[in-house]
N, C-alpha and C. Protein backbone atom coordinates (compact mmCIF):
# COMPACT_ATOMS: atom_id res chain seq x y z
N GLY A 1 33.24 7.44 -46.67
CA GLY A 1 33.13 8.25 -45.73
C GLY A 1 34.32 8.04 -44.62
N GLN A 2 34.25 8.74 -43.32
CA GLN A 2 35.09 8.55 -42.37
C GLN A 2 34.86 7.11 -41.76
N GLU A 3 33.46 6.59 -41.53
CA GLU A 3 33.23 5.33 -41.04
C GLU A 3 33.75 4.24 -41.94
N GLN A 4 33.83 4.34 -43.03
CA GLN A 4 34.38 3.27 -43.96
C GLN A 4 35.94 3.36 -43.88
N ASN A 5 36.55 4.35 -43.83
CA ASN A 5 37.89 4.47 -43.32
C ASN A 5 38.23 3.86 -41.90
N GLU A 6 37.50 4.01 -40.99
CA GLU A 6 37.64 3.57 -39.70
C GLU A 6 37.60 2.05 -39.77
N PHE A 7 36.44 1.50 -40.38
CA PHE A 7 36.22 -0.03 -40.60
C PHE A 7 37.49 -0.77 -41.35
N ASN A 8 38.00 -0.02 -42.26
CA ASN A 8 38.96 -0.56 -43.05
C ASN A 8 40.26 -0.69 -42.31
N GLN A 9 40.51 0.07 -41.36
CA GLN A 9 41.66 0.16 -40.41
C GLN A 9 41.74 -0.94 -39.23
N GLN A 10 40.46 -1.59 -39.16
CA GLN A 10 40.37 -2.62 -37.99
C GLN A 10 41.12 -3.80 -38.39
N ASP A 11 41.97 -4.10 -37.37
CA ASP A 11 42.86 -5.25 -37.47
C ASP A 11 42.12 -6.56 -36.79
N LYS A 12 41.10 -6.91 -37.12
CA LYS A 12 40.41 -8.15 -36.70
C LYS A 12 39.78 -9.06 -37.75
N GLU A 13 39.84 -10.23 -37.62
CA GLU A 13 39.23 -11.22 -38.46
C GLU A 13 38.38 -11.99 -37.75
N ILE A 14 37.50 -12.57 -38.55
CA ILE A 14 36.38 -13.47 -38.15
C ILE A 14 36.39 -14.92 -38.51
N ILE A 15 36.38 -15.72 -37.32
CA ILE A 15 36.47 -17.29 -37.70
C ILE A 15 35.17 -17.69 -37.24
N PHE A 16 34.68 -18.79 -37.98
CA PHE A 16 33.52 -19.55 -37.71
C PHE A 16 34.17 -21.10 -37.16
N VAL A 17 33.48 -21.52 -36.06
CA VAL A 17 34.03 -22.76 -35.65
C VAL A 17 32.75 -23.55 -35.05
N THR A 18 32.36 -24.73 -35.60
CA THR A 18 31.51 -25.60 -35.10
C THR A 18 32.01 -26.69 -34.16
N LEU A 19 31.41 -27.00 -33.04
CA LEU A 19 31.80 -27.80 -31.93
C LEU A 19 30.72 -28.78 -31.85
N ASP A 20 31.24 -30.01 -31.80
CA ASP A 20 30.37 -31.16 -31.57
C ASP A 20 30.69 -31.64 -30.35
N GLY A 21 29.65 -31.94 -29.27
CA GLY A 21 29.83 -32.66 -28.00
C GLY A 21 29.45 -31.55 -27.09
N ASP A 22 29.21 -30.39 -27.12
CA ASP A 22 29.07 -29.58 -26.23
C ASP A 22 27.82 -29.69 -25.40
N ALA A 23 26.73 -30.25 -25.91
CA ALA A 23 25.36 -30.47 -25.58
C ALA A 23 25.64 -31.45 -24.29
N LEU A 24 26.57 -32.37 -24.51
CA LEU A 24 26.63 -33.25 -23.34
C LEU A 24 27.58 -32.69 -22.09
N ASP A 25 28.80 -32.42 -22.40
CA ASP A 25 29.64 -32.07 -21.43
C ASP A 25 30.73 -31.02 -21.70
N TYR A 26 30.52 -30.04 -22.63
CA TYR A 26 31.45 -29.17 -23.09
C TYR A 26 32.84 -29.70 -23.52
N SER A 27 32.98 -30.92 -23.87
CA SER A 27 34.15 -31.65 -24.16
C SER A 27 34.87 -30.86 -25.45
N ALA A 28 33.96 -30.37 -26.35
CA ALA A 28 34.63 -29.68 -27.49
C ALA A 28 35.19 -28.42 -27.29
N SER A 29 34.38 -27.51 -26.30
CA SER A 29 35.06 -26.15 -26.06
C SER A 29 36.02 -26.43 -25.10
N PHE A 30 36.21 -27.47 -24.22
CA PHE A 30 37.61 -27.57 -23.56
C PHE A 30 38.52 -27.91 -24.28
N LYS A 31 38.22 -28.88 -25.48
CA LYS A 31 39.55 -29.27 -26.18
C LYS A 31 39.90 -27.90 -27.12
N PHE A 32 38.91 -27.19 -27.55
CA PHE A 32 39.37 -26.16 -28.33
C PHE A 32 40.18 -25.05 -27.74
N LEU A 33 39.79 -24.80 -26.25
CA LEU A 33 40.72 -23.89 -25.59
C LEU A 33 41.81 -24.57 -25.22
N PHE A 34 41.94 -25.89 -24.95
CA PHE A 34 43.33 -26.43 -24.68
C PHE A 34 43.98 -26.23 -25.50
N ASP A 35 43.79 -26.58 -26.88
CA ASP A 35 44.70 -26.50 -27.87
C ASP A 35 45.06 -25.21 -28.21
N MET A 36 44.39 -24.10 -28.07
CA MET A 36 44.59 -22.84 -28.32
C MET A 36 45.92 -22.18 -27.36
N LYS A 37 45.41 -22.68 -26.00
CA LYS A 37 46.56 -22.21 -24.93
C LYS A 37 47.76 -22.97 -25.20
N ASN A 38 47.86 -24.16 -25.72
CA ASN A 38 49.14 -24.96 -25.98
C ASN A 38 49.46 -24.64 -27.39
N GLY A 39 49.08 -23.55 -28.17
CA GLY A 39 49.63 -23.27 -29.52
C GLY A 39 49.18 -24.12 -30.40
N ASP A 40 48.40 -25.17 -30.28
CA ASP A 40 48.00 -26.16 -31.23
C ASP A 40 46.70 -25.96 -32.09
N PHE A 41 46.31 -24.70 -32.34
CA PHE A 41 45.07 -24.56 -33.07
C PHE A 41 45.29 -23.34 -34.16
N PRO A 42 45.05 -23.56 -35.16
CA PRO A 42 44.46 -24.74 -35.86
C PRO A 42 45.32 -25.86 -36.01
N THR A 43 44.87 -27.26 -35.95
CA THR A 43 45.74 -28.21 -36.16
C THR A 43 46.03 -28.60 -37.54
N GLY A 44 47.05 -29.34 -37.92
CA GLY A 44 47.15 -29.85 -39.35
C GLY A 44 48.07 -29.01 -39.94
N ASN A 45 47.92 -27.72 -40.04
CA ASN A 45 48.82 -26.96 -41.02
C ASN A 45 49.61 -26.22 -40.22
N ARG A 46 50.83 -26.66 -40.13
CA ARG A 46 51.82 -25.92 -39.20
C ARG A 46 52.57 -24.45 -40.01
N ASN A 47 52.01 -24.08 -41.39
CA ASN A 47 52.58 -23.17 -41.97
C ASN A 47 51.66 -21.93 -41.45
N GLU A 48 50.81 -22.07 -40.80
CA GLU A 48 49.94 -20.91 -40.21
C GLU A 48 50.28 -20.68 -38.79
N ASP A 49 50.09 -19.50 -38.35
CA ASP A 49 50.39 -19.08 -37.13
C ASP A 49 49.32 -19.66 -36.07
N PRO A 50 49.66 -19.95 -34.86
CA PRO A 50 48.67 -20.46 -34.18
C PRO A 50 47.54 -19.39 -33.58
N ILE A 51 46.44 -19.71 -33.60
CA ILE A 51 45.36 -18.76 -32.71
C ILE A 51 45.35 -18.90 -31.35
N ARG A 52 45.71 -17.97 -30.62
CA ARG A 52 45.53 -17.96 -29.11
C ARG A 52 44.45 -17.53 -28.55
N SER A 53 44.03 -17.86 -27.25
CA SER A 53 42.80 -16.97 -26.63
C SER A 53 42.80 -15.51 -26.67
N GLU A 54 44.11 -15.20 -26.46
CA GLU A 54 44.18 -13.75 -26.53
C GLU A 54 43.79 -13.16 -27.57
N HIS A 55 43.79 -13.68 -28.77
CA HIS A 55 43.41 -13.15 -30.04
C HIS A 55 41.87 -13.02 -30.05
N ILE A 56 41.17 -13.58 -29.26
CA ILE A 56 39.82 -13.73 -29.56
C ILE A 56 39.08 -12.30 -28.71
N HIS A 57 38.50 -11.46 -29.49
CA HIS A 57 37.61 -10.43 -28.79
C HIS A 57 36.16 -10.98 -28.36
N SER A 58 35.73 -11.31 -29.34
CA SER A 58 34.11 -12.01 -28.74
C SER A 58 33.73 -13.30 -29.19
N ILE A 59 32.94 -13.84 -28.51
CA ILE A 59 32.16 -15.05 -28.87
C ILE A 59 30.86 -14.96 -28.94
N ILE A 60 30.30 -15.46 -30.08
CA ILE A 60 28.62 -15.44 -30.35
C ILE A 60 28.37 -16.98 -30.37
N GLU A 61 27.62 -17.43 -29.42
CA GLU A 61 27.30 -18.88 -29.50
C GLU A 61 25.73 -19.06 -30.07
N PHE A 62 25.69 -19.95 -30.95
CA PHE A 62 24.44 -20.32 -31.49
C PHE A 62 24.16 -21.77 -30.69
N GLN A 63 22.90 -21.88 -30.16
CA GLN A 63 22.51 -22.98 -29.45
C GLN A 63 22.14 -24.12 -30.39
N SER A 64 21.17 -23.74 -31.62
CA SER A 64 20.98 -24.45 -32.73
C SER A 64 20.70 -23.94 -33.89
N LEU A 65 20.83 -24.54 -35.14
CA LEU A 65 20.44 -23.93 -36.37
C LEU A 65 19.88 -24.82 -37.05
N SER A 66 18.92 -24.33 -37.94
CA SER A 66 18.09 -25.23 -38.72
C SER A 66 17.36 -24.54 -39.85
N LEU A 67 17.25 -25.27 -40.88
CA LEU A 67 16.59 -24.47 -42.14
C LEU A 67 15.17 -24.58 -41.76
N THR A 68 14.50 -23.13 -42.39
CA THR A 68 13.30 -22.96 -41.82
C THR A 68 12.32 -23.77 -42.71
N ASP A 69 12.47 -24.39 -43.60
CA ASP A 69 11.42 -25.49 -44.11
C ASP A 69 11.45 -26.73 -43.21
N LYS A 70 12.33 -26.81 -42.52
CA LYS A 70 12.30 -28.15 -41.79
C LYS A 70 11.74 -27.89 -40.23
N LEU A 71 11.22 -26.60 -39.98
CA LEU A 71 10.52 -26.37 -38.65
C LEU A 71 9.14 -26.68 -38.60
N SER A 72 8.67 -27.22 -39.58
CA SER A 72 7.22 -27.62 -39.43
C SER A 72 6.81 -28.93 -38.78
């Protein structure tokens, strides 16, 4: 239907990033944003266009993740 056509026309991608060190001093988030602002994210593969902060529409943060059988 019309909703599916509108969805298919969206020019957005989803990336998942895990950051280590944020519980202490946000050092991972700082480095992540620093690299994006300097055109160095993602690192390692120079064949890809860099991801910049203006490319990000939304951020969803998960404080912690666990398997349900490990919660008891």
